[in-house]
Amino acid sequence: MKHVVGVSLGSSKRDHKAQVTLLGEEITIERRGTNGDVQKAIELIRSLDGKVDAIGLGGTDRWFFMGDKRYTLWEAEKMAKTAKKTPVADGSMLKGVIERRAVQYIRDEEKMPLEGKNAFVVCALDRYGMASTLVESGCNLRIGDLAFALGIGIFPSTLSTLQVIAAALMPVLSHLPISVLYPTGKSQEQIVPKFPSVYGWADIIGGDCHFIKKHMPSDLSGKVIITNTVTGDDVEAFRSRGVKTLVVSTPEFSGRSFATNVMDAVIVAITGRRPEDFTPSDYLDILTRLEFRPRIEVLRSES
C-alpha cells in the first residue's frame, strides 16, 4: 500500500485521512496541518522523509508558473528541500492543468455560459491556468493579487498587466515569509469582509478557497465559485451566503477534497516519478486515465 502525507501550513482543524484505490494501487492519503508553524512543518517533513512514498507541500506554493515563467517562493523551497529521499510535490504545475480543465469542463460539458460574464480571480499568479482559460472563454477579468496578497485595493483587468507586476515584484516578494503573502494557521479561519464592490461585480469568483473566504461578504447571491480543497464547513459558508454553484476542481475522498499538492503527491506515488520530471501533458494524460472530473454542486436552485 502506498502512503502519501500532505504537510500543510494551514489549520490542523482541516486535517483529513482517506484510503482509496487508484489505477489498481491502494493508497492511504493524509493531510496534516501545522497551524502556520514553518519550523514544525520542516520537522514533520524531516520525520516523514524516507518513510512515505510522497509528501505534499501545502499552505504555500513552491513555484508559480505563468506561461514560460517560473517564480520560486524561497521559504517553501527551503521546506521542500528538507526531504532528501522522499519526493515533495507542491501541486503548482498540476494546479494549472486541473483548473484549466475545470473551466473547460463547465463550459463545454456542462454548457455553462461564460461569454461576457464577469470573473474575479482572487490570485491569478496562483491560478494562472484558470484565469487564462476564463479569458479565452470570453469572460471579463478582474485580478485580486495586489489586494489579497498585499492589501492594495487595485484590481488589474488583463493578464499582461499581471505579468508586468509579477516581473517587477516577485524578485522581492519571493523572499518574504509565506505568512505575509497567504493566510496560514488560524488566519485561515478568519473572514474579514473587504472589497465588496469587486465581489459584487463578479458573476464568477475563482481561486484558492482560503483567499476567496478571506474577505468575502455576507451576500454572494447567485455567484459561481470555482475552487478546490473545500470542507463541509466551507460548503455551508458558501451556501449560507447564497452561492448558486460550487465547482470543485479536485475529487472528493471520504467526504472532502484534498488540496492539489496532495493530489500531486498521489500521482507521484502512483507513477514512481519525481514531480520535477512531469510536464503539463504528462499530468493531463494521467488525469484522463484516473477519470478525474470537477465536482459541481448546485447550492441554490433557481427560484
Foldseek 3Di string as FASTA:
>chain_A
DAEEEEEALAAQVLWDWFWDAFPNDIYIYIYGHDQNDLVVLLVVLLVCAPPGQAYFYYNDAQWFDAPPDIFGQVSSVVSQVSHDHHFYFHLQQVLLLLLLQLLVCCVPVVVDQLAAFEEEEQACSSHVSNQVSSVVSHYFYWYNQCCQFPVDPHTDGDVVVVVVVCVVPRVPNSHDDSVSGGPGGPLLVDAAADPVVSLVRGQEYEYELSSCRNHDDLANANHEYEYEFDAPVSLVSCLSNRHFKYKYSADDGPHGGDDSSSVLRVVCSVVVHHSVPDDSVNSVVSCVSRVTHIDMDGSDDDD
